[in-house]
Amino acid sequence: MRPRSNPSTEKTWPKSFKAAFCERFHCPPDRYESSAFWRGVFRHALPVALVIQWLKPDFFAEDMELIREVGEMTSPGLFKSEVNYFYGRNLRHKSWLRRTFRIRVSGGRMLRIRRQVQS
């Protein structure tokens, strides 16, 4: 089970992460997932991720799930918890591409993006 913050005692953002992201990066809401994915991927992984995305798009299903989950969040604590949970899943993942070569979305990059859009 994922740890959750107590929403009644925590500050919240005026907009969802998705709304703030789309406003900050000037992308339409229907392009949010793709835009957040490419901004969140480790920089060294971009060329390989592009090929994998073309050949086997379901390889990034967990990354897209994270992006969808955090998109509706208005709580900084829940956002961070979700990113930490994602990080832990990647440590235990069976795919050596995801685990060893980090061909995936970076939790650290997602947290930096969050700071950019929700400051």
PDB file of N, CA and C in Angstrom:
ATOM      1  N   MET A   1       0.837  -1.184   0.000  1.00  0.00           N
ATOM      2  CA  MET A   1       0.000   0.000   0.000  1.00  0.00           C
ATOM      3  C   MET A   1       0.881   1.246   0.000  1.00  0.00           C
ATOM      4  N   ARG A   2       0.469   2.246  -0.734  1.00  0.00           N
ATOM      5  CA  ARG A   2       1.220   3.482  -0.843  1.00  0.00           C
ATOM      6  C   ARG A   2       0.976   4.365   0.375  1.00  0.00           C
ATOM      7  N   PRO A   3       2.053   4.997   0.867  1.00  0.00           N
ATOM      8  CA  PRO A   3       1.850   5.937   1.971  1.00  0.00           C
ATOM      9  C   PRO A   3       1.113   7.168   1.459  1.00  0.00           C
ATOM     10  N   ARG A   4       0.214   7.672   2.252  1.00  0.00           N
ATOM     11  CA  ARG A   4      -0.540   8.868   1.875  1.00  0.00           C
ATOM     12  C   ARG A   4      -0.433   9.905   2.987  1.00  0.00           C
ATOM     13  N   SER A   5      -0.379  11.157   2.580  1.00  0.00           N
ATOM     14  CA  SER A   5      -0.367  12.249   3.537  1.00  0.00           C
ATOM     15  C   SER A   5      -1.784  12.509   4.007  1.00  0.00           C
ATOM     16  N   ASN A   6      -1.896  13.234   5.105  1.00  0.00           N
ATOM     17  CA  ASN A   6      -3.205  13.608   5.606  1.00  0.00           C
ATOM     18  C   ASN A   6      -3.640  14.880   4.898  1.00  0.00           C
ATOM     19  N   PRO A   7      -4.591  14.788   3.946  1.00  0.00           N
ATOM     20  CA  PRO A   7      -4.959  15.946   3.151  1.00  0.00           C
ATOM     21  C   PRO A   7      -5.605  17.069   3.966  1.00  0.00           C
ATOM     22  N   SER A   8      -6.160  16.770   5.121  1.00  0.00           N
ATOM     23  CA  SER A   8      -6.828  17.810   5.897  1.00  0.00           C
ATOM     24  C   SER A   8      -5.841  18.763   6.566  1.00  0.00           C
ATOM     25  N   THR A   9      -4.581  18.355   6.743  1.00  0.00           N
ATOM     26  CA  THR A   9      -3.594  19.213   7.399  1.00  0.00           C
ATOM     27  C   THR A   9      -2.532  19.725   6.441  1.00  0.00           C
ATOM     28  N   GLU A  10      -2.640  19.409   5.187  1.00  0.00           N
ATOM     29  CA  GLU A  10      -1.604  19.739   4.223  1.00  0.00           C
ATOM     30  C   GLU A  10      -2.055  20.867   3.297  1.00  0.00           C
ATOM     31  N   LYS A  11      -1.099  21.738   2.938  1.00  0.00           N
ATOM     32  CA  LYS A  11      -1.441  22.790   1.973  1.00  0.00           C
ATOM     33  C   LYS A  11      -1.646  22.166   0.602  1.00  0.00           C
ATOM     34  N   THR A  12      -2.422  22.828  -0.221  1.00  0.00           N
ATOM     35  CA  THR A  12      -2.680  22.328  -1.563  1.00  0.00           C
ATOM     36  C   THR A  12      -2.381  23.425  -2.571  1.00  0.00           C
ATOM     37  N   TRP A  13      -2.250  23.024  -3.828  1.00  0.00           N
ATOM     38  CA  TRP A  13      -2.033  23.960  -4.916  1.00  0.00           C
ATOM     39  C   TRP A  13      -3.384  24.447  -5.420  1.00  0.00           C
ATOM     40  N   PRO A  14      -3.416  25.642  -5.987  1.00  0.00           N
ATOM     41  CA  PRO A  14      -4.691  26.140  -6.519  1.00  0.00           C
ATOM     42  C   PRO A  14      -5.152  25.398  -7.779  1.00  0.00           C
ATOM     43  N   LYS A  15      -4.208  24.769  -8.487  1.00  0.00           N
ATOM     44  CA  LYS A  15      -4.516  24.023  -9.716  1.00  0.00           C
ATOM     45  C   LYS A  15      -3.922  22.635  -9.612  1.00  0.00           C
ATOM     46  N   SER A  16      -4.458  21.721 -10.401  1.00  0.00           N
ATOM     47  CA  SER A  16      -3.852  20.395 -10.480  1.00  0.00           C
ATOM     48  C   SER A  16      -2.475  20.525 -11.135  1.00  0.00           C
ATOM     49  N   PHE A  17      -1.642  19.526 -10.923  1.00  0.00           N
ATOM     50  CA  PHE A  17      -0.321  19.529 -11.550  1.00  0.00           C
ATOM     51  C   PHE A  17      -0.458  19.612 -13.069  1.00  0.00           C
ATOM     52  N   LYS A  18      -1.384  18.857 -13.620  1.00  0.00           N
ATOM     53  CA  LYS A  18      -1.586  18.852 -15.080  1.00  0.00           C
ATOM     54  C   LYS A  18      -1.937  20.251 -15.584  1.00  0.00           C
ATOM     55  N   ALA A  19      -2.871  20.924 -14.922  1.00  0.00           N
ATOM     56  CA  ALA A  19      -3.281  22.268 -15.345  1.00  0.00           C
ATOM     57  C   ALA A  19      -2.107  23.239 -15.262  1.00  0.00           C
ATOM     58  N   ALA A  20      -1.348  23.168 -14.173  1.00  0.00           N
ATOM     59  CA  ALA A  20      -0.198  24.063 -14.011  1.00  0.00           C
ATOM     60  C   ALA A  20       0.899  23.739 -15.021  1.00  0.00           C
ATOM     61  N   PHE A  21       1.125  22.452 -15.281  1.00  0.00           N
ATOM     62  CA  PHE A  21       2.124  22.018 -16.256  1.00  0.00           C
ATOM     63  C   PHE A  21       1.769  22.557 -17.639  1.00  0.00           C
ATOM     64  N   CYS A  22       0.529  22.368 -18.049  1.00  0.00           N
ATOM     65  CA  CYS A  22       0.104  22.799 -19.382  1.00  0.00           C
ATOM     66  C   CYS A  22       0.184  24.315 -19.516  1.00  0.00           C
ATOM     67  N   GLU A  23      -0.138  25.017 -18.453  1.00  0.00           N
ATOM     68  CA  GLU A  23      -0.028  26.478 -18.483  1.00  0.00           C
ATOM     69  C   GLU A  23       1.434  26.906 -18.595  1.00  0.00           C
ATOM     70  N   ARG A  24       2.296  26.304 -17.798  1.00  0.00           N
ATOM     71  CA  ARG A  24       3.716  26.679 -17.760  1.00  0.00           C
ATOM     72  C   ARG A  24       4.433  26.362 -19.079  1.00  0.00           C
ATOM     73  N   PHE A  25       4.132  25.194 -19.656  1.00  0.00           N
ATOM     74  CA  PHE A  25       4.832  24.747 -20.859  1.00  0.00           C
ATOM     75  C   PHE A  25       4.018  24.937 -22.146  1.00  0.00           C
ATOM     76  N   HIS A  26       2.906  25.631 -22.038  1.00  0.00           N
ATOM     77  CA  HIS A  26       2.079  25.989 -23.199  1.00  0.00           C
ATOM     78  C   HIS A  26       1.710  24.770 -24.050  1.00  0.00           C
ATOM     79  N   CYS A  27       1.207  23.752 -23.369  1.00  0.00           N
ATOM     80  CA  CYS A  27       0.760  22.574 -24.118  1.00  0.00           C
ATOM     81  C   CYS A  27      -0.732  22.370 -23.873  1.00  0.00           C
ATOM     82  N   PRO A  28      -1.457  21.918 -24.886  1.00  0.00           N
ATOM     83  CA  PRO A  28      -2.873  21.633 -24.677  1.00  0.00           C
ATOM     84  C   PRO A  28      -3.019  20.431 -23.734  1.00  0.00           C
ATOM     85  N   PRO A  29      -4.091  20.389 -22.952  1.00  0.00           N
ATOM     86  CA  PRO A  29      -4.278  19.291 -21.997  1.00  0.00           C
ATOM     87  C   PRO A  29      -4.193  17.897 -22.617  1.00  0.00           C
ATOM     88  N   ASP A  30      -4.611  17.750 -23.875  1.00  0.00           N
ATOM     89  CA  ASP A  30      -4.555  16.424 -24.501  1.00  0.00           C
ATOM     90  C   ASP A  30      -3.127  16.009 -24.862  1.00  0.00           C
ATOM     91  N   ARG A  31      -2.149  16.914 -24.753  1.00  0.00           N
ATOM     92  CA  ARG A  31      -0.735  16.597 -25.000  1.00  0.00           C
ATOM     93  C   ARG A  31       0.056  16.506 -23.702  1.00  0.00           C
ATOM     94  N   TYR A  32      -0.629  16.658 -22.564  1.00  0.00           N
ATOM     95  CA  TYR A  32       0.049  16.651 -21.263  1.00  0.00           C
ATOM     96  C   TYR A  32       0.898  15.397 -21.055  1.00  0.00           C
ATOM     97  N   GLU A  33       0.318  14.224 -21.240  1.00  0.00           N
ATOM     98  CA  GLU A  33       1.042  12.982 -20.941  1.00  0.00           C
ATOM     99  C   GLU A  33       2.316  12.864 -21.769  1.00  0.00           C
ATOM    100  N   SER A  34       2.215  13.107 -23.047  1.00  0.00           N
ATOM    101  CA  SER A  34       3.381  13.009 -23.914  1.00  0.00           C
ATOM    102  C   SER A  34       4.432  14.059 -23.541  1.00  0.00           C
ATOM    103  N   SER A  35       3.990  15.275 -23.324  1.00  0.00           N
ATOM    104  CA  SER A  35       4.921  16.352 -22.987  1.00  0.00           C
ATOM    105  C   SER A  35       5.611  16.082 -21.647  1.00  0.00           C
ATOM    106  N   ALA A  36       4.846  15.661 -20.659  1.00  0.00           N
ATOM    107  CA  ALA A  36       5.430  15.364 -19.345  1.00  0.00           C
ATOM    108  C   ALA A  36       6.399  14.176 -19.441  1.00  0.00           C
ATOM    109  N   PHE A  37       6.050  13.186 -20.252  1.00  0.00           N
ATOM    110  CA  PHE A  37       6.931  12.030 -20.421  1.00  0.00           C
ATOM    111  C   PHE A  37       8.290  12.467 -20.965  1.00  0.00           C
ATOM    112  N   TRP A  38       8.280  13.208 -22.080  1.00  0.00           N
ATOM    113  CA  TRP A  38       9.551  13.582 -22.709  1.00  0.00           C
ATOM    114  C   TRP A  38      10.353  14.568 -21.862  1.00  0.00           C
ATOM    115  N   ARG A  39       9.687  15.381 -21.065  1.00  0.00           N
ATOM    116  CA  ARG A  39      10.411  16.271 -20.148  1.00  0.00           C
ATOM    117  C   ARG A  39      10.961  15.498 -18.954  1.00  0.00           C
ATOM    118  N   GLY A  40      10.309  14.387 -18.606  1.00  0.00           N
ATOM    119  CA  GLY A  40      10.691  13.623 -17.425  1.00  0.00           C
ATOM    120  C   GLY A  40      11.721  12.529 -17.653  1.00  0.00           C
ATOM    121  N   VAL A  41      11.916  12.131 -18.905  1.00  0.00           N
ATOM    122  CA  VAL A  41      12.867  11.051 -19.209  1.00  0.00           C
ATOM    123  C   VAL A  41      14.298  11.523 -18.920  1.00  0.00           C
ATOM    124  N   PHE A  42      15.100  10.626 -18.361  1.00  0.00           N
ATOM    125  CA  PHE A  42      16.524  10.924 -18.177  1.00  0.00           C
ATOM    126  C   PHE A  42      17.097  11.390 -19.512  1.00  0.00           C
ATOM    127  N   ARG A  43      17.908  12.431 -19.506  1.00  0.00           N
ATOM    128  CA  ARG A  43      18.456  12.999 -20.750  1.00  0.00           C
ATOM    129  C   ARG A  43      19.283  11.986 -21.535  1.00  0.00           C
ATOM    130  N   HIS A  44      20.076  11.176 -20.851  1.00  0.00           N
ATOM    131  CA  HIS A  44      20.898  10.194 -21.562  1.00  0.00           C
ATOM    132  C   HIS A  44      20.035   9.146 -22.264  1.00  0.00           C
ATOM    133  N   ALA A  45      18.814   8.980 -21.805  1.00  0.00           N
ATOM    134  CA  ALA A  45      17.935   7.928 -22.325  1.00  0.00           C
ATOM    135  C   ALA A  45      17.077   8.377 -23.506  1.00  0.00           C
ATOM    136  N   LEU A  46      17.085   9.647 -23.824  1.00  0.00           N
ATOM    137  CA  LEU A  46      16.190  10.150 -24.877  1.00  0.00           C
ATOM    138  C   LEU A  46      16.295   9.405 -26.206  1.00  0.00           C
ATOM    139  N   PRO A  47      17.486   9.228 -26.778  1.00  0.00           N
ATOM    140  CA  PRO A  47      17.533   8.535 -28.085  1.00  0.00           C
ATOM    141  C   PRO A  47      17.002   7.105 -28.020  1.00  0.00           C
ATOM    142  N   VAL A  48      17.386   6.377 -26.979  1.00  0.00           N
ATOM    143  CA  VAL A  48      16.932   4.988 -26.837  1.00  0.00           C
ATOM    144  C   VAL A  48      15.429   4.949 -26.555  1.00  0.00           C
ATOM    145  N   ALA A  49      14.955   5.863 -25.712  1.00  0.00           N
ATOM    146  CA  ALA A  49      13.526   5.910 -25.385  1.00  0.00           C
ATOM    147  C   ALA A  49      12.685   6.191 -26.625  1.00  0.00           C
ATOM    148  N   LEU A  50      13.184   7.022 -27.502  1.00  0.00           N
ATOM    149  CA  LEU A  50      12.472   7.325 -28.739  1.00  0.00           C
ATOM    150  C   LEU A  50      12.286   6.068 -29.581  1.00  0.00           C
ATOM    151  N   VAL A  51      13.332   5.270 -29.696  1.00  0.00           N
ATOM    152  CA  VAL A  51      13.257   4.019 -30.463  1.00  0.00           C
ATOM    153  C   VAL A  51      12.325   3.027 -29.770  1.00  0.00           C
ATOM    154  N   ILE A  52      12.473   2.878 -28.456  1.00  0.00           N
ATOM    155  CA  ILE A  52      11.618   1.937 -27.715  1.00  0.00           C
ATOM    156  C   ILE A  52      10.157   2.368 -27.804  1.00  0.00           C
ATOM    157  N   GLN A  53       9.903   3.661 -27.656  1.00  0.00           N
ATOM    158  CA  GLN A  53       8.531   4.173 -27.727  1.00  0.00           C
ATOM    159  C   GLN A  53       7.911   3.837 -29.076  1.00  0.00           C
ATOM    160  N   TRP A  54       8.698   3.880 -30.119  1.00  0.00           N
ATOM    161  CA  TRP A  54       8.213   3.577 -31.460  1.00  0.00           C
ATOM    162  C   TRP A  54       7.981   2.071 -31.637  1.00  0.00           C
ATOM    163  N   LEU A  55       8.918   1.235 -31.132  1.00  0.00           N
ATOM    164  CA  LEU A  55       8.834  -0.218 -31.319  1.00  0.00           C
ATOM    165  C   LEU A  55       7.934  -0.914 -30.308  1.00  0.00           C
ATOM    166  N   LYS A  56       7.981  -0.440 -29.061  1.00  0.00           N
ATOM    167  CA  LYS A  56       7.252  -1.128 -27.990  1.00  0.00           C
ATOM    168  C   LYS A  56       6.721  -0.115 -26.978  1.00  0.00           C
ATOM    169  N   PRO A  57       5.675   0.630 -27.333  1.00  0.00           N
ATOM    170  CA  PRO A  57       5.198   1.713 -26.472  1.00  0.00           C
ATOM    171  C   PRO A  57       4.754   1.257 -25.076  1.00  0.00           C
ATOM    172  N   ASP A  58       4.332   0.002 -24.931  1.00  0.00           N
ATOM    173  CA  ASP A  58       3.904  -0.466 -23.601  1.00  0.00           C
ATOM    174  C   ASP A  58       5.076  -0.614 -22.634  1.00  0.00           C
ATOM    175  N   PHE A  59       6.312  -0.506 -23.119  1.00  0.00           N
ATOM    176  CA  PHE A  59       7.490  -0.541 -22.246  1.00  0.00           C
ATOM    177  C   PHE A  59       7.405   0.572 -21.198  1.00  0.00           C
ATOM    178  N   PHE A  60       6.787   1.688 -21.557  1.00  0.00           N
ATOM    179  CA  PHE A  60       6.710   2.845 -20.670  1.00  0.00           C
ATOM    180  C   PHE A  60       5.360   2.960 -19.961  1.00  0.00           C
ATOM    181  N   ALA A  61       4.637   1.857 -19.826  1.00  0.00           N
ATOM    182  CA  ALA A  61       3.318   1.883 -19.187  1.00  0.00           C
ATOM    183  C   ALA A  61       3.396   2.412 -17.753  1.00  0.00           C
ATOM    184  N   GLU A  62       4.413   2.000 -16.992  1.00  0.00           N
ATOM    185  CA  GLU A  62       4.536   2.473 -15.602  1.00  0.00           C
ATOM    186  C   GLU A  62       4.817   3.967 -15.545  1.00  0.00           C
ATOM    187  N   ASP A  63       5.615   4.453 -16.480  1.00  0.00           N
ATOM    188  CA  ASP A  63       5.922   5.884 -16.530  1.00  0.00           C
ATOM    189  C   ASP A  63       4.654   6.687 -16.819  1.00  0.00           C
ATOM    190  N   MET A  64       3.873   6.202 -17.785  1.00  0.00           N
ATOM    191  CA  MET A  64       2.644   6.902 -18.147  1.00  0.00           C
ATOM    192  C   MET A  64       1.627   6.839 -17.008  1.00  0.00           C
ATOM    193  N   GLU A  65       1.617   5.744 -16.268  1.00  0.00           N
ATOM    194  CA  GLU A  65       0.732   5.639 -15.112  1.00  0.00           C
ATOM    195  C   GLU A  65       1.099   6.698 -14.070  1.00  0.00           C
ATOM    196  N   LEU A  66       2.403   6.855 -13.810  1.00  0.00           N
ATOM    197  CA  LEU A  66       2.854   7.894 -12.873  1.00  0.00           C
ATOM    198  C   LEU A  66       2.388   9.271 -13.353  1.00  0.00           C
ATOM    199  N   ILE A  67       2.590   9.561 -14.606  1.00  0.00           N
ATOM    200  CA  ILE A  67       2.245  10.868 -15.160  1.00  0.00           C
ATOM    201  C   ILE A  67       0.740  11.128 -15.050  1.00  0.00           C
ATOM    202  N   ARG A  68      -0.066  10.105 -15.307  1.00  0.00           N
ATOM    203  CA  ARG A  68      -1.524  10.255 -15.157  1.00  0.00           C
ATOM    204  C   ARG A  68      -1.889  10.467 -13.694  1.00  0.00           C
ATOM    205  N   GLU A  69      -1.284   9.684 -12.796  1.00  0.00           N
ATOM    206  CA  GLU A  69      -1.574   9.791 -11.357  1.00  0.00           C
ATOM    207  C   GLU A  69      -1.279  11.184 -10.829  1.00  0.00           C
ATOM    208  N   VAL A  70      -0.069  11.692 -11.110  1.00  0.00           N
ATOM    209  CA  VAL A  70       0.314  12.992 -10.553  1.00  0.00           C
ATOM    210  C   VAL A  70      -0.398  14.141 -11.250  1.00  0.00           C
ATOM    211  N   GLY A  71      -0.901  13.907 -12.444  1.00  0.00           N
ATOM    212  CA  GLY A  71      -1.576  14.962 -13.196  1.00  0.00           C
ATOM    213  C   GLY A  71      -2.758  15.568 -12.477  1.00  0.00           C
ATOM    214  N   GLU A  72      -3.508  14.762 -11.750  1.00  0.00           N
ATOM    215  CA  GLU A  72      -4.704  15.260 -11.068  1.00  0.00           C
ATOM    216  C   GLU A  72      -4.430  15.740  -9.647  1.00  0.00           C
ATOM    217  N   MET A  73      -3.203  15.619  -9.199  1.00  0.00           N
ATOM    218  CA  MET A  73      -2.889  15.965  -7.804  1.00  0.00           C
ATOM    219  C   MET A  73      -2.812  17.464  -7.577  1.00  0.00           C
ATOM    220  N   THR A  74      -3.262  17.851  -6.387  1.00  0.00           N
ATOM    221  CA  THR A  74      -3.140  19.242  -5.937  1.00  0.00           C
ATOM    222  C   THR A  74      -2.382  19.307  -4.616  1.00  0.00           C
ATOM    223  N   SER A  75      -1.838  18.196  -4.203  1.00  0.00           N
ATOM    224  CA  SER A  75      -1.140  18.103  -2.926  1.00  0.00           C
ATOM    225  C   SER A  75       0.347  17.820  -3.136  1.00  0.00           C
ATOM    226  N   PRO A  76       1.226  18.697  -2.618  1.00  0.00           N
ATOM    227  CA  PRO A  76       2.661  18.448  -2.752  1.00  0.00           C
ATOM    228  C   PRO A  76       3.102  17.144  -2.070  1.00  0.00           C
ATOM    229  N   GLY A  77       2.507  16.840  -0.939  1.00  0.00           N
ATOM    230  CA  GLY A  77       2.875  15.614  -0.216  1.00  0.00           C
ATOM    231  C   GLY A  77       2.505  14.355  -0.982  1.00  0.00           C
ATOM    232  N   LEU A  78       1.312  14.341  -1.555  1.00  0.00           N
ATOM    233  CA  LEU A  78       0.894  13.175  -2.334  1.00  0.00           C
ATOM    234  C   LEU A  78       1.736  13.036  -3.591  1.00  0.00           C
ATOM    235  N   PHE A  79       2.058  14.162  -4.211  1.00  0.00           N
ATOM    236  CA  PHE A  79       2.906  14.134  -5.405  1.00  0.00           C
ATOM    237  C   PHE A  79       4.243  13.477  -5.076  1.00  0.00           C
ATOM    238  N   LYS A  80       4.874  13.939  -4.012  1.00  0.00           N
ATOM    239  CA  LYS A  80       6.179  13.390  -3.624  1.00  0.00           C
ATOM    240  C   LYS A  80       6.069  11.913  -3.246  1.00  0.00           C
ATOM    241  N   SER A  81       5.016  11.542  -2.550  1.00  0.00           N
ATOM    242  CA  SER A  81       4.807  10.129  -2.187  1.00  0.00           C
ATOM    243  C   SER A  81       4.673   9.255  -3.421  1.00  0.00           C
ATOM    244  N   GLU A  82       3.933   9.734  -4.406  1.00  0.00           N
ATOM    245  CA  GLU A  82       3.735   8.961  -5.637  1.00  0.00           C
ATOM    246  C   GLU A  82       5.051   8.798  -6.397  1.00  0.00           C
ATOM    247  N   VAL A  83       5.850   9.872  -6.457  1.00  0.00           N
ATOM    248  CA  VAL A  83       7.146   9.796  -7.133  1.00  0.00           C
ATOM    249  C   VAL A  83       8.082   8.851  -6.371  1.00  0.00           C
ATOM    250  N   ASN A  84       8.065   8.887  -5.053  1.00  0.00           N
ATOM    251  CA  ASN A  84       8.896   7.971  -4.258  1.00  0.00           C
ATOM    252  C   ASN A  84       8.476   6.518  -4.465  1.00  0.00           C
ATOM    253  N   TYR A  85       7.180   6.285  -4.548  1.00  0.00           N
ATOM    254  CA  TYR A  85       6.669   4.935  -4.799  1.00  0.00           C
ATOM    255  C   TYR A  85       7.154   4.446  -6.171  1.00  0.00           C
ATOM    256  N   PHE A  86       7.085   5.318  -7.159  1.00  0.00           N
ATOM    257  CA  PHE A  86       7.554   5.009  -8.518  1.00  0.00           C
ATOM    258  C   PHE A  86       9.044   4.659  -8.484  1.00  0.00           C
ATOM    259  N   TYR A  87       9.833   5.431  -7.753  1.00  0.00           N
ATOM    260  CA  TYR A  87      11.271   5.180  -7.627  1.00  0.00           C
ATOM    261  C   TYR A  87      11.519   3.786  -7.039  1.00  0.00           C
ATOM    262  N   GLY A  88      10.800   3.439  -5.997  1.00  0.00           N
ATOM    263  CA  GLY A  88      10.950   2.121  -5.384  1.00  0.00           C
ATOM    264  C   GLY A  88      10.587   0.993  -6.326  1.00  0.00           C
ATOM    265  N   ARG A  89       9.522   1.186  -7.104  1.00  0.00           N
ATOM    266  CA  ARG A  89       9.142   0.159  -8.094  1.00  0.00           C
ATOM    267  C   ARG A  89      10.251  -0.046  -9.102  1.00  0.00           C
ATOM    268  N   ASN A  90      10.908   1.029  -9.509  1.00  0.00           N
ATOM    269  CA  ASN A  90      11.978   0.904 -10.500  1.00  0.00           C
ATOM    270  C   ASN A  90      13.194   0.187  -9.930  1.00  0.00           C
ATOM    271  N   LEU A  91      13.458   0.343  -8.649  1.00  0.00           N
ATOM    272  CA  LEU A  91      14.571  -0.385  -8.031  1.00  0.00           C
ATOM    273  C   LEU A  91      14.338  -1.891  -8.053  1.00  0.00           C
ATOM    274  N   ARG A  92      13.076  -2.289  -7.975  1.00  0.00           N
ATOM    275  CA  ARG A  92      12.728  -3.710  -7.941  1.00  0.00           C
ATOM    276  C   ARG A  92      12.342  -4.258  -9.314  1.00  0.00           C
ATOM    277  N   HIS A  93      12.347  -3.427 -10.320  1.00  0.00           N
ATOM    278  CA  HIS A  93      11.871  -3.821 -11.645  1.00  0.00           C
ATOM    279  C   HIS A  93      12.784  -4.882 -12.267  1.00  0.00           C
ATOM    280  N   LYS A  94      12.198  -5.791 -13.015  1.00  0.00           N
ATOM    281  CA  LYS A  94      12.960  -6.873 -13.634  1.00  0.00           C
ATOM    282  C   LYS A  94      13.700  -6.438 -14.899  1.00  0.00           C
ATOM    283  N   SER A  95      13.264  -5.348 -15.513  1.00  0.00           N
ATOM    284  CA  SER A  95      13.875  -4.906 -16.762  1.00  0.00           C
ATOM    285  C   SER A  95      15.221  -4.245 -16.502  1.00  0.00           C
ATOM    286  N   TRP A  96      16.288  -4.798 -17.054  1.00  0.00           N
ATOM    287  CA  TRP A  96      17.617  -4.220 -16.858  1.00  0.00           C
ATOM    288  C   TRP A  96      17.738  -2.887 -17.573  1.00  0.00           C
ATOM    289  N   LEU A  97      16.945  -2.660 -18.623  1.00  0.00           N
ATOM    290  CA  LEU A  97      16.960  -1.355 -19.289  1.00  0.00           C
ATOM    291  C   LEU A  97      16.455  -0.259 -18.352  1.00  0.00           C
ATOM    292  N   ARG A  98      15.374  -0.564 -17.646  1.00  0.00           N
ATOM    293  CA  ARG A  98      14.809   0.419 -16.707  1.00  0.00           C
ATOM    294  C   ARG A  98      15.706   0.582 -15.485  1.00  0.00           C
ATOM    295  N   ARG A  99      16.167  -0.520 -14.938  1.00  0.00           N
ATOM    296  CA  ARG A  99      16.896  -0.499 -13.668  1.00  0.00           C
ATOM    297  C   ARG A  99      18.349  -0.068 -13.852  1.00  0.00           C
ATOM    298  N   THR A 100      19.075  -0.717 -14.716  1.00  0.00           N
ATOM    299  CA  THR A 100      20.510  -0.481 -14.857  1.00  0.00           C
ATOM    300  C   THR A 100      20.822   0.744 -15.709  1.00  0.00           C
ATOM    301  N   PHE A 101      20.158   0.850 -16.854  1.00  0.00           N
ATOM    302  CA  PHE A 101      20.459   1.940 -17.782  1.00  0.00           C
ATOM    303  C   PHE A 101      19.521   3.133 -17.618  1.00  0.00           C
ATOM    304  N   ARG A 102      18.549   2.988 -16.716  1.00  0.00           N
ATOM    305  CA  ARG A 102      17.603   4.060 -16.385  1.00  0.00           C
ATOM    306  C   ARG A 102      16.921   4.632 -17.637  1.00  0.00           C
ATOM    307  N   ILE A 103      16.404   3.717 -18.440  1.00  0.00           N
ATOM    308  CA  ILE A 103      15.626   4.109 -19.616  1.00  0.00           C
ATOM    309  C   ILE A 103      14.185   4.238 -19.134  1.00  0.00           C
ATOM    310  N   ARG A 104      13.892   5.404 -18.588  1.00  0.00           N
ATOM    311  CA  ARG A 104      12.594   5.644 -17.965  1.00  0.00           C
ATOM    312  C   ARG A 104      12.488   7.101 -17.550  1.00  0.00           C
ATOM    313  N   VAL A 105      11.344   7.443 -16.991  1.00  0.00           N
ATOM    314  CA  VAL A 105      11.142   8.763 -16.412  1.00  0.00           C
ATOM    315  C   VAL A 105      11.946   8.835 -15.116  1.00  0.00           C
ATOM    316  N   SER A 106      12.543   9.971 -14.878  1.00  0.00           N
ATOM    317  CA  SER A 106      13.311  10.213 -13.666  1.00  0.00           C
ATOM    318  C   SER A 106      12.422  10.831 -12.590  1.00  0.00           C
ATOM    319  N   GLY A 107      12.411  10.230 -11.416  1.00  0.00           N
ATOM    320  CA  GLY A 107      11.669  10.802 -10.292  1.00  0.00           C
ATOM    321  C   GLY A 107      12.202  12.183  -9.927  1.00  0.00           C
ATOM    322  N   GLY A 108      13.512  12.329  -9.948  1.00  0.00           N
ATOM    323  CA  GLY A 108      14.131  13.624  -9.644  1.00  0.00           C
ATOM    324  C   GLY A 108      13.724  14.696 -10.645  1.00  0.00           C
ATOM    325  N   ARG A 109      13.676  14.326 -11.909  1.00  0.00           N
ATOM    326  CA  ARG A 109      13.248  15.292 -12.934  1.00  0.00           C
ATOM    327  C   ARG A 109      11.788  15.673 -12.711  1.00  0.00           C
ATOM    328  N   MET A 110      10.950  14.707 -12.358  1.00  0.00           N
ATOM    329  CA  MET A 110       9.539  15.016 -12.100  1.00  0.00           C
ATOM    330  C   MET A 110       9.398  15.977 -10.924  1.00  0.00           C
ATOM    331  N   LEU A 111      10.206  15.786  -9.889  1.00  0.00           N
ATOM    332  CA  LEU A 111      10.146  16.704  -8.746  1.00  0.00           C
ATOM    333  C   LEU A 111      10.635  18.101  -9.138  1.00  0.00           C
ATOM    334  N   ARG A 112      11.637  18.186  -9.987  1.00  0.00           N
ATOM    335  CA  ARG A 112      12.106  19.496 -10.456  1.00  0.00           C
ATOM    336  C   ARG A 112      11.048  20.173 -11.326  1.00  0.00           C
ATOM    337  N   ILE A 113      10.399  19.408 -12.168  1.00  0.00           N
ATOM    338  CA  ILE A 113       9.319  19.951 -12.995  1.00  0.00           C
ATOM    339  C   ILE A 113       8.199  20.457 -12.094  1.00  0.00           C
ATOM    340  N   ARG A 114       7.881  19.693 -11.068  1.00  0.00           N
ATOM    341  CA  ARG A 114       6.822  20.116 -10.117  1.00  0.00           C
ATOM    342  C   ARG A 114       7.177  21.459  -9.506  1.00  0.00           C
ATOM    343  N   ARG A 115       8.427  21.624  -9.109  1.00  0.00           N
ATOM    344  CA  ARG A 115       8.846  22.906  -8.522  1.00  0.00           C
ATOM    345  C   ARG A 115       8.734  24.041  -9.535  1.00  0.00           C
ATOM    346  N   GLN A 116       9.000  23.750 -10.798  1.00  0.00           N
ATOM    347  CA  GLN A 116       8.888  24.772 -11.838  1.00  0.00           C
ATOM    348  C   GLN A 116       7.441  25.210 -12.042  1.00  0.00           C
ATOM    349  N   VAL A 117       6.524  24.267 -12.028  1.00  0.00           N
ATOM    350  CA  VAL A 117       5.151  24.608 -12.367  1.00  0.00           C
ATOM    351  C   VAL A 117       4.302  25.005 -11.161  1.00  0.00           C
ATOM    352  N   GLN A 118       4.676  24.602  -9.985  1.00  0.00           N
ATOM    353  CA  GLN A 118       3.877  24.890  -8.797  1.00  0.00           C
ATOM    354  C   GLN A 118       4.612  25.800  -7.816  1.00  0.00           C
ATOM    355  N   SER A 119       5.458  26.687  -8.305  1.00  0.00           N
ATOM    356  CA  SER A 119       6.200  27.566  -7.389  1.00  0.00           C
ATOM    357  C   SER A 119       5.385  28.772  -6.984  1.00  0.00           C
TER     358      SER A 119
END
